Amino acid sequence: MAIQSILAEKTVSVTELRKKPCDYFIDEPVAVLSNNKTAGYMISAELYEKMVGLIELQSKASRFRPSHERLTQIAEHGSASLLAASEVELGDFAE
């Protein structure tokens, strides 16, 4: 059985989320669970805009507005890189 990290203090099931989705757009991440696995995270528009602003400050590009396709490519590349990494490359990496 694989262990999965949940990067939020609050969680909600997809079933509960469907009842009142606006209740979960808050100023901290809410992990959305499907079959007890993290399906995604919900945050408020204000927090999302702050996050994008921070990314833009760190980025050489003037704007960070990736499309769904580009976000998918980034996630797949990161996943493949982590899976292909050796123990030496990972070093003291821990979830």
PDB file of N, CA and C in Angstrom:
ATOM      1  N   MET A   1       0.836  -1.174   0.000  1.00  0.00           N
ATOM      2  CA  MET A   1       0.000   0.000   0.000  1.00  0.00           C
ATOM      3  C   MET A   1       0.888   1.247   0.000  1.00  0.00           C
ATOM      4  N   ALA A   2       0.659   2.140  -0.936  1.00  0.00           N
ATOM      5  CA  ALA A   2       1.444   3.363  -1.055  1.00  0.00           C
ATOM      6  C   ALA A   2       0.923   4.414  -0.079  1.00  0.00           C
ATOM      7  N   ILE A   3       1.843   5.169   0.470  1.00  0.00           N
ATOM      8  CA  ILE A   3       1.477   6.254   1.372  1.00  0.00           C
ATOM      9  C   ILE A   3       1.492   7.544   0.566  1.00  0.00           C
ATOM     10  N   GLN A   4       0.460   8.345   0.728  1.00  0.00           N
ATOM     11  CA  GLN A   4       0.344   9.597  -0.009  1.00  0.00           C
ATOM     12  C   GLN A   4       0.321  10.761   0.971  1.00  0.00           C
ATOM     13  N   SER A   5       1.083  11.786   0.668  1.00  0.00           N
ATOM     14  CA  SER A   5       1.074  12.993   1.490  1.00  0.00           C
ATOM     15  C   SER A   5      -0.120  13.856   1.113  1.00  0.00           C
ATOM     16  N   ILE A   6      -0.703  14.470   2.113  1.00  0.00           N
ATOM     17  CA  ILE A   6      -1.767  15.445   1.884  1.00  0.00           C
ATOM     18  C   ILE A   6      -1.210  16.785   2.335  1.00  0.00           C
ATOM     19  N   LEU A   7      -1.109  17.711   1.402  1.00  0.00           N
ATOM     20  CA  LEU A   7      -0.468  18.997   1.666  1.00  0.00           C
ATOM     21  C   LEU A   7      -1.480  20.063   2.076  1.00  0.00           C
ATOM     22  N   ALA A   8      -2.370  19.683   2.964  1.00  0.00           N
ATOM     23  CA  ALA A   8      -3.380  20.619   3.472  1.00  0.00           C
ATOM     24  C   ALA A   8      -3.841  20.120   4.832  1.00  0.00           C
ATOM     25  N   GLU A   9      -4.261  21.054   5.680  1.00  0.00           N
ATOM     26  CA  GLU A   9      -4.778  20.671   6.989  1.00  0.00           C
ATOM     27  C   GLU A   9      -6.243  20.283   6.916  1.00  0.00           C
ATOM     28  N   LYS A  10      -6.942  20.763   5.885  1.00  0.00           N
ATOM     29  CA  LYS A  10      -8.360  20.460   5.737  1.00  0.00           C
ATOM     30  C   LYS A  10      -8.573  19.569   4.527  1.00  0.00           C
ATOM     31  N   THR A  11      -9.550  18.663   4.640  1.00  0.00           N
ATOM     32  CA  THR A  11      -9.891  17.781   3.538  1.00  0.00           C
ATOM     33  C   THR A  11     -11.399  17.763   3.344  1.00  0.00           C
ATOM     34  N   VAL A  12     -11.807  17.379   2.135  1.00  0.00           N
ATOM     35  CA  VAL A  12     -13.222  17.224   1.824  1.00  0.00           C
ATOM     36  C   VAL A  12     -13.332  16.114   0.779  1.00  0.00           C
ATOM     37  N   SER A  13     -14.365  15.322   0.886  1.00  0.00           N
ATOM     38  CA  SER A  13     -14.586  14.291  -0.125  1.00  0.00           C
ATOM     39  C   SER A  13     -15.243  14.923  -1.345  1.00  0.00           C
ATOM     40  N   VAL A  14     -15.087  14.286  -2.482  1.00  0.00           N
ATOM     41  CA  VAL A  14     -15.721  14.781  -3.700  1.00  0.00           C
ATOM     42  C   VAL A  14     -17.231  14.852  -3.503  1.00  0.00           C
ATOM     43  N   THR A  15     -17.795  13.877  -2.814  1.00  0.00           N
ATOM     44  CA  THR A  15     -19.242  13.842  -2.563  1.00  0.00           C
ATOM     45  C   THR A  15     -19.689  15.074  -1.789  1.00  0.00           C
ATOM     46  N   GLU A  16     -18.978  15.408  -0.704  1.00  0.00           N
ATOM     47  CA  GLU A  16     -19.322  16.592   0.085  1.00  0.00           C
ATOM     48  C   GLU A  16     -19.068  17.873  -0.694  1.00  0.00           C
ATOM     49  N   LEU A  17     -18.004  17.897  -1.471  1.00  0.00           N
ATOM     50  CA  LEU A  17     -17.670  19.076  -2.264  1.00  0.00           C
ATOM     51  C   LEU A  17     -18.789  19.422  -3.246  1.00  0.00           C
ATOM     52  N   ARG A  18     -19.396  18.420  -3.822  1.00  0.00           N
ATOM     53  CA  ARG A  18     -20.471  18.648  -4.793  1.00  0.00           C
ATOM     54  C   ARG A  18     -21.679  19.341  -4.166  1.00  0.00           C
ATOM     55  N   LYS A  19     -21.899  19.138  -2.880  1.00  0.00           N
ATOM     56  CA  LYS A  19     -23.067  19.725  -2.212  1.00  0.00           C
ATOM     57  C   LYS A  19     -22.960  21.237  -2.099  1.00  0.00           C
ATOM     58  N   LYS A  20     -21.785  21.750  -1.700  1.00  0.00           N
ATOM     59  CA  LYS A  20     -21.599  23.205  -1.507  1.00  0.00           C
ATOM     60  C   LYS A  20     -20.154  23.570  -1.868  1.00  0.00           C
ATOM     61  N   PRO A  21     -19.815  23.591  -3.149  1.00  0.00           N
ATOM     62  CA  PRO A  21     -18.418  23.819  -3.531  1.00  0.00           C
ATOM     63  C   PRO A  21     -17.866  25.169  -3.083  1.00  0.00           C
ATOM     64  N   CYS A  22     -18.687  26.201  -3.028  1.00  0.00           N
ATOM     65  CA  CYS A  22     -18.179  27.531  -2.653  1.00  0.00           C
ATOM     66  C   CYS A  22     -17.685  27.580  -1.211  1.00  0.00           C
ATOM     67  N   ASP A  23     -18.111  26.649  -0.375  1.00  0.00           N
ATOM     68  CA  ASP A  23     -17.656  26.613   1.019  1.00  0.00           C
ATOM     69  C   ASP A  23     -16.168  26.262   1.127  1.00  0.00           C
ATOM     70  N   TYR A  24     -15.593  25.742   0.057  1.00  0.00           N
ATOM     71  CA  TYR A  24     -14.218  25.260   0.123  1.00  0.00           C
ATOM     72  C   TYR A  24     -13.227  26.149  -0.622  1.00  0.00           C
ATOM     73  N   PHE A  25     -13.689  27.277  -1.160  1.00  0.00           N
ATOM     74  CA  PHE A  25     -12.789  28.265  -1.742  1.00  0.00           C
ATOM     75  C   PHE A  25     -12.388  29.218  -0.628  1.00  0.00           C
ATOM     76  N   ILE A  26     -11.413  28.783   0.170  1.00  0.00           N
ATOM     77  CA  ILE A  26     -10.982  29.555   1.337  1.00  0.00           C
ATOM     78  C   ILE A  26      -9.513  29.928   1.187  1.00  0.00           C
ATOM     79  N   ASP A  27      -8.985  30.693   2.137  1.00  0.00           N
ATOM     80  CA  ASP A  27      -7.618  31.192   2.034  1.00  0.00           C
ATOM     81  C   ASP A  27      -6.562  30.234   2.562  1.00  0.00           C
ATOM     82  N   GLU A  28      -6.849  28.981   2.465  1.00  0.00           N
ATOM     83  CA  GLU A  28      -5.863  27.933   2.722  1.00  0.00           C
ATOM     84  C   GLU A  28      -6.265  26.740   1.862  1.00  0.00           C
ATOM     85  N   PRO A  29      -5.312  25.902   1.506  1.00  0.00           N
ATOM     86  CA  PRO A  29      -5.654  24.781   0.634  1.00  0.00           C
ATOM     87  C   PRO A  29      -6.561  23.773   1.331  1.00  0.00           C
ATOM     88  N   VAL A  30      -7.467  23.205   0.553  1.00  0.00           N
ATOM     89  CA  VAL A  30      -8.339  22.128   1.011  1.00  0.00           C
ATOM     90  C   VAL A  30      -8.090  20.955   0.066  1.00  0.00           C
ATOM     91  N   ALA A  31      -7.665  19.837   0.604  1.00  0.00           N
ATOM     92  CA  ALA A  31      -7.424  18.650  -0.219  1.00  0.00           C
ATOM     93  C   ALA A  31      -8.762  18.003  -0.554  1.00  0.00           C
ATOM     94  N   VAL A  32      -8.969  17.722  -1.821  1.00  0.00           N
ATOM     95  CA  VAL A  32     -10.192  17.064  -2.279  1.00  0.00           C
ATOM     96  C   VAL A  32      -9.858  15.590  -2.462  1.00  0.00           C
ATOM     97  N   LEU A  33     -10.578  14.745  -1.716  1.00  0.00           N
ATOM     98  CA  LEU A  33     -10.290  13.313  -1.734  1.00  0.00           C
ATOM     99  C   LEU A  33     -11.324  12.545  -2.540  1.00  0.00           C
ATOM    100  N   SER A  34     -10.821  11.605  -3.327  1.00  0.00           N
ATOM    101  CA  SER A  34     -11.662  10.681  -4.061  1.00  0.00           C
ATOM    102  C   SER A  34     -11.157   9.282  -3.739  1.00  0.00           C
ATOM    103  N   ASN A  35     -12.009   8.459  -3.165  1.00  0.00           N
ATOM    104  CA  ASN A  35     -11.609   7.117  -2.722  1.00  0.00           C
ATOM    105  C   ASN A  35     -10.404   7.188  -1.785  1.00  0.00           C
ATOM    106  N   ASN A  36     -10.427   8.163  -0.883  1.00  0.00           N
ATOM    107  CA  ASN A  36      -9.380   8.381   0.122  1.00  0.00           C
ATOM    108  C   ASN A  36      -8.013   8.700  -0.470  1.00  0.00           C
ATOM    109  N   LYS A  37      -7.981   9.194  -1.698  1.00  0.00           N
ATOM    110  CA  LYS A  37      -6.736   9.636  -2.330  1.00  0.00           C
ATOM    111  C   LYS A  37      -6.930  11.082  -2.760  1.00  0.00           C
ATOM    112  N   THR A  38      -5.858  11.857  -2.687  1.00  0.00           N
ATOM    113  CA  THR A  38      -5.954  13.261  -3.067  1.00  0.00           C
ATOM    114  C   THR A  38      -6.177  13.384  -4.571  1.00  0.00           C
ATOM    115  N   ALA A  39      -7.301  13.989  -4.935  1.00  0.00           N
ATOM    116  CA  ALA A  39      -7.626  14.216  -6.344  1.00  0.00           C
ATOM    117  C   ALA A  39      -7.183  15.604  -6.772  1.00  0.00           C
ATOM    118  N   GLY A  40      -7.064  16.523  -5.820  1.00  0.00           N
ATOM    119  CA  GLY A  40      -6.657  17.888  -6.129  1.00  0.00           C
ATOM    120  C   GLY A  40      -6.794  18.763  -4.909  1.00  0.00           C
ATOM    121  N   TYR A  41      -6.574  20.043  -5.103  1.00  0.00           N
ATOM    122  CA  TYR A  41      -6.661  21.006  -4.013  1.00  0.00           C
ATOM    123  C   TYR A  41      -7.523  22.181  -4.447  1.00  0.00           C
ATOM    124  N   MET A  42      -8.240  22.758  -3.507  1.00  0.00           N
ATOM    125  CA  MET A  42      -9.045  23.953  -3.767  1.00  0.00           C
ATOM    126  C   MET A  42      -8.498  25.091  -2.926  1.00  0.00           C
ATOM    127  N   ILE A  43      -8.449  26.274  -3.533  1.00  0.00           N
ATOM    128  CA  ILE A  43      -8.041  27.487  -2.826  1.00  0.00           C
ATOM    129  C   ILE A  43      -8.896  28.641  -3.335  1.00  0.00           C
ATOM    130  N   SER A  44      -8.865  29.725  -2.617  1.00  0.00           N
ATOM    131  CA  SER A  44      -9.625  30.904  -3.039  1.00  0.00           C
ATOM    132  C   SER A  44      -8.939  31.557  -4.236  1.00  0.00           C
ATOM    133  N   ALA A  45      -9.694  32.378  -4.950  1.00  0.00           N
ATOM    134  CA  ALA A  45      -9.137  33.129  -6.085  1.00  0.00           C
ATOM    135  C   ALA A  45      -8.014  34.046  -5.607  1.00  0.00           C
ATOM    136  N   GLU A  46      -8.207  34.675  -4.452  1.00  0.00           N
ATOM    137  CA  GLU A  46      -7.200  35.596  -3.915  1.00  0.00           C
ATOM    138  C   GLU A  46      -5.881  34.874  -3.642  1.00  0.00           C
ATOM    139  N   LEU A  47      -5.944  33.688  -3.020  1.00  0.00           N
ATOM    140  CA  LEU A  47      -4.730  32.935  -2.733  1.00  0.00           C
ATOM    141  C   LEU A  47      -4.068  32.456  -4.019  1.00  0.00           C
ATOM    142  N   TYR A  48      -4.865  32.005  -4.987  1.00  0.00           N
ATOM    143  CA  TYR A  48      -4.314  31.574  -6.270  1.00  0.00           C
ATOM    144  C   TYR A  48      -3.575  32.727  -6.943  1.00  0.00           C
ATOM    145  N   GLU A  49      -4.175  33.910  -6.948  1.00  0.00           N
ATOM    146  CA  GLU A  49      -3.547  35.069  -7.573  1.00  0.00           C
ATOM    147  C   GLU A  49      -2.241  35.425  -6.872  1.00  0.00           C
ATOM    148  N   LYS A  50      -2.185  35.306  -5.548  1.00  0.00           N
ATOM    149  CA  LYS A  50      -0.942  35.554  -4.809  1.00  0.00           C
ATOM    150  C   LYS A  50       0.123  34.535  -5.192  1.00  0.00           C
ATOM    151  N   MET A  51      -0.272  33.267  -5.308  1.00  0.00           N
ATOM    152  CA  MET A  51       0.675  32.215  -5.690  1.00  0.00           C
ATOM    153  C   MET A  51       1.248  32.472  -7.077  1.00  0.00           C
ATOM    154  N   VAL A  52       0.394  32.826  -8.016  1.00  0.00           N
ATOM    155  CA  VAL A  52       0.857  33.121  -9.375  1.00  0.00           C
ATOM    156  C   VAL A  52       1.797  34.330  -9.347  1.00  0.00           C
ATOM    157  N   GLY A  53       1.457  35.323  -8.557  1.00  0.00           N
ATOM    158  CA  GLY A  53       2.326  36.489  -8.421  1.00  0.00           C
ATOM    159  C   GLY A  53       3.713  36.120  -7.910  1.00  0.00           C
ATOM    160  N   LEU A  54       3.778  35.237  -6.919  1.00  0.00           N
ATOM    161  CA  LEU A  54       5.068  34.796  -6.388  1.00  0.00           C
ATOM    162  C   LEU A  54       5.858  34.018  -7.436  1.00  0.00           C
ATOM    163  N   ILE A  55       5.171  33.184  -8.192  1.00  0.00           N
ATOM    164  CA  ILE A  55       5.838  32.429  -9.262  1.00  0.00           C
ATOM    165  C   ILE A  55       6.391  33.396 -10.302  1.00  0.00           C
ATOM    166  N   GLU A  56       5.608  34.396 -10.655  1.00  0.00           N
ATOM    167  CA  GLU A  56       6.062  35.379 -11.636  1.00  0.00           C
ATOM    168  C   GLU A  56       7.292  36.140 -11.149  1.00  0.00           C
ATOM    169  N   LEU A  57       7.342  36.450  -9.855  1.00  0.00           N
ATOM    170  CA  LEU A  57       8.506  37.149  -9.301  1.00  0.00           C
ATOM    171  C   LEU A  57       9.766  36.293  -9.402  1.00  0.00           C
ATOM    172  N   GLN A  58       9.619  34.995  -9.243  1.00  0.00           N
ATOM    173  CA  GLN A  58      10.755  34.086  -9.290  1.00  0.00           C
ATOM    174  C   GLN A  58      11.134  33.683 -10.716  1.00  0.00           C
ATOM    175  N   SER A  59      10.246  33.906 -11.624  1.00  0.00           N
ATOM    176  CA  SER A  59      10.419  33.456 -13.007  1.00  0.00           C
ATOM    177  C   SER A  59      11.092  34.524 -13.846  1.00  0.00           C
ATOM    178  N   LYS A  60      11.833  34.101 -14.843  1.00  0.00           N
ATOM    179  CA  LYS A  60      12.424  35.036 -15.804  1.00  0.00           C
ATOM    180  C   LYS A  60      11.344  35.588 -16.722  1.00  0.00           C
ATOM    181  N   ALA A  61      10.306  34.793 -16.939  1.00  0.00           N
ATOM    182  CA  ALA A  61       9.201  35.229 -17.791  1.00  0.00           C
ATOM    183  C   ALA A  61       8.389  36.279 -17.049  1.00  0.00           C
ATOM    184  N   SER A  62       7.778  37.162 -17.779  1.00  0.00           N
ATOM    185  CA  SER A  62       7.028  38.228 -17.133  1.00  0.00           C
ATOM    186  C   SER A  62       5.676  37.747 -16.615  1.00  0.00           C
ATOM    187  N   ARG A  63       5.130  36.695 -17.224  1.00  0.00           N
ATOM    188  CA  ARG A  63       3.816  36.213 -16.802  1.00  0.00           C
ATOM    189  C   ARG A  63       3.810  34.692 -16.760  1.00  0.00           C
ATOM    190  N   PHE A  64       3.204  34.147 -15.757  1.00  0.00           N
ATOM    191  CA  PHE A  64       3.041  32.706 -15.629  1.00  0.00           C
ATOM    192  C   PHE A  64       1.560  32.401 -15.794  1.00  0.00           C
ATOM    193  N   ARG A  65       1.169  32.030 -16.988  1.00  0.00           N
ATOM    194  CA  ARG A  65      -0.227  31.707 -17.280  1.00  0.00           C
ATOM    195  C   ARG A  65      -0.271  30.443 -18.133  1.00  0.00           C
ATOM    196  N   PRO A  66       0.161  29.307 -17.582  1.00  0.00           N
ATOM    197  CA  PRO A  66       0.192  28.085 -18.390  1.00  0.00           C
ATOM    198  C   PRO A  66      -1.212  27.569 -18.696  1.00  0.00           C
ATOM    199  N   SER A  67      -1.322  26.973 -19.852  1.00  0.00           N
ATOM    200  CA  SER A  67      -2.581  26.333 -20.233  1.00  0.00           C
ATOM    201  C   SER A  67      -2.691  24.992 -19.513  1.00  0.00           C
ATOM    202  N   HIS A  68      -3.846  24.390 -19.577  1.00  0.00           N
ATOM    203  CA  HIS A  68      -4.040  23.061 -18.990  1.00  0.00           C
ATOM    204  C   HIS A  68      -3.049  22.078 -19.599  1.00  0.00           C
ATOM    205  N   GLU A  69      -2.868  22.161 -20.909  1.00  0.00           N
ATOM    206  CA  GLU A  69      -1.935  21.263 -21.602  1.00  0.00           C
ATOM    207  C   GLU A  69      -0.515  21.442 -21.082  1.00  0.00           C
ATOM    208  N   ARG A  70      -0.088  22.695 -20.891  1.00  0.00           N
ATOM    209  CA  ARG A  70       1.269  22.967 -20.407  1.00  0.00           C
ATOM    210  C   ARG A  70       1.441  22.511 -18.960  1.00  0.00           C
ATOM    211  N   LEU A  71       0.432  22.729 -18.125  1.00  0.00           N
ATOM    212  CA  LEU A  71       0.502  22.242 -16.745  1.00  0.00           C
ATOM    213  C   LEU A  71       0.618  20.730 -16.714  1.00  0.00           C
ATOM    214  N   THR A  72      -0.104  20.051 -17.592  1.00  0.00           N
ATOM    215  CA  THR A  72      -0.023  18.587 -17.681  1.00  0.00           C
ATOM    216  C   THR A  72       1.381  18.167 -18.084  1.00  0.00           C
ATOM    217  N   GLN A  73       1.967  18.852 -19.067  1.00  0.00           N
ATOM    218  CA  GLN A  73       3.335  18.542 -19.493  1.00  0.00           C
ATOM    219  C   GLN A  73       4.331  18.741 -18.359  1.00  0.00           C
ATOM    220  N   ILE A  74       4.184  19.832 -17.622  1.00  0.00           N
ATOM    221  CA  ILE A  74       5.087  20.119 -16.502  1.00  0.00           C
ATOM    222  C   ILE A  74       4.974  19.021 -15.444  1.00  0.00           C
ATOM    223  N   ALA A  75       3.746  18.637 -15.104  1.00  0.00           N
ATOM    224  CA  ALA A  75       3.529  17.600 -14.091  1.00  0.00           C
ATOM    225  C   ALA A  75       4.092  16.259 -14.546  1.00  0.00           C
ATOM    226  N   GLU A  76       3.878  15.911 -15.807  1.00  0.00           N
ATOM    227  CA  GLU A  76       4.389  14.638 -16.321  1.00  0.00           C
ATOM    228  C   GLU A  76       5.915  14.626 -16.340  1.00  0.00           C
ATOM    229  N   HIS A  77       6.526  15.747 -16.726  1.00  0.00           N
ATOM    230  CA  HIS A  77       7.987  15.834 -16.739  1.00  0.00           C
ATOM    231  C   HIS A  77       8.545  15.693 -15.326  1.00  0.00           C
ATOM    232  N   GLY A  78       7.932  16.400 -14.373  1.00  0.00           N
ATOM    233  CA  GLY A  78       8.386  16.308 -12.980  1.00  0.00           C
ATOM    234  C   GLY A  78       8.235  14.907 -12.425  1.00  0.00           C
ATOM    235  N   SER A  79       7.124  14.272 -12.732  1.00  0.00           N
ATOM    236  CA  SER A  79       6.879  12.908 -12.265  1.00  0.00           C
ATOM    237  C   SER A  79       7.903  11.942 -12.859  1.00  0.00           C
ATOM    238  N   ALA A  80       8.127  12.057 -14.164  1.00  0.00           N
ATOM    239  CA  ALA A  80       9.096  11.183 -14.826  1.00  0.00           C
ATOM    240  C   ALA A  80      10.500  11.402 -14.264  1.00  0.00           C
ATOM    241  N   SER A  81      10.856  12.648 -14.002  1.00  0.00           N
ATOM    242  CA  SER A  81      12.185  12.953 -13.454  1.00  0.00           C
ATOM    243  C   SER A  81      12.368  12.342 -12.071  1.00  0.00           C
ATOM    244  N   LEU A  82      11.334  12.454 -11.229  1.00  0.00           N
ATOM    245  CA  LEU A  82      11.431  11.866  -9.890  1.00  0.00           C
ATOM    246  C   LEU A  82      11.503  10.352  -9.945  1.00  0.00           C
ATOM    247  N   LEU A  83      10.712   9.745 -10.800  1.00  0.00           N
ATOM    248  CA  LEU A  83      10.715   8.284 -10.910  1.00  0.00           C
ATOM    249  C   LEU A  83      12.033   7.756 -11.466  1.00  0.00           C
ATOM    250  N   ALA A  84      12.672   8.529 -12.323  1.00  0.00           N
ATOM    251  CA  ALA A  84      13.927   8.099 -12.942  1.00  0.00           C
ATOM    252  C   ALA A  84      15.148   8.415 -12.080  1.00  0.00           C
ATOM    253  N   ALA A  85      14.980   9.236 -11.054  1.00  0.00           N
ATOM    254  CA  ALA A  85      16.113   9.668 -10.228  1.00  0.00           C
ATOM    255  C   ALA A  85      16.655   8.514  -9.394  1.00  0.00           C
ATOM    256  N   SER A  86      17.969   8.492  -9.273  1.00  0.00           N
ATOM    257  CA  SER A  86      18.621   7.474  -8.448  1.00  0.00           C
ATOM    258  C   SER A  86      18.608   7.912  -6.982  1.00  0.00           C
ATOM    259  N   GLU A  87      18.963   6.998  -6.102  1.00  0.00           N
ATOM    260  CA  GLU A  87      19.041   7.319  -4.674  1.00  0.00           C
ATOM    261  C   GLU A  87      20.047   8.447  -4.426  1.00  0.00           C
ATOM    262  N   VAL A  88      21.145   8.439  -5.168  1.00  0.00           N
ATOM    263  CA  VAL A  88      22.173   9.463  -4.999  1.00  0.00           C
ATOM    264  C   VAL A  88      21.627  10.819  -5.416  1.00  0.00           C
ATOM    265  N   GLU A  89      20.899  10.866  -6.540  1.00  0.00           N
ATOM    266  CA  GLU A  89      20.346  12.130  -7.014  1.00  0.00           C
ATOM    267  C   GLU A  89      19.290  12.667  -6.043  1.00  0.00           C
ATOM    268  N   LEU A  90      18.525  11.792  -5.449  1.00  0.00           N
ATOM    269  CA  LEU A  90      17.488  12.226  -4.515  1.00  0.00           C
ATOM    270  C   LEU A  90      18.086  12.693  -3.198  1.00  0.00           C
ATOM    271  N   GLY A  91      19.247  12.161  -2.848  1.00  0.00           N
ATOM    272  CA  GLY A  91      19.909  12.576  -1.616  1.00  0.00           C
ATOM    273  C   GLY A  91      19.027  12.335  -0.404  1.00  0.00           C
ATOM    274  N   ASP A  92      18.811  13.379   0.390  1.00  0.00           N
ATOM    275  CA  ASP A  92      18.019  13.268   1.600  1.00  0.00           C
ATOM    276  C   ASP A  92      16.566  13.630   1.376  1.00  0.00           C
ATOM    277  N   PHE A  93      16.108  13.557   0.150  1.00  0.00           N
ATOM    278  CA  PHE A  93      14.726  13.913  -0.169  1.00  0.00           C
ATOM    279  C   PHE A  93      13.751  13.073   0.647  1.00  0.00           C
ATOM    280  N   ALA A  94      12.762  13.730   1.230  1.00  0.00           N
ATOM    281  CA  ALA A  94      11.715  13.024   1.982  1.00  0.00           C
ATOM    282  C   ALA A  94      10.423  13.784   1.811  1.00  0.00           C
ATOM    283  N   GLU A  95       9.313  13.055   1.780  1.00  0.00           N
ATOM    284  CA  GLU A  95       7.999  13.700   1.671  1.00  0.00           C
ATOM    285  C   GLU A  95       7.595  14.254   3.004  1.00  0.00           C
TER     286      GLU A  95
END
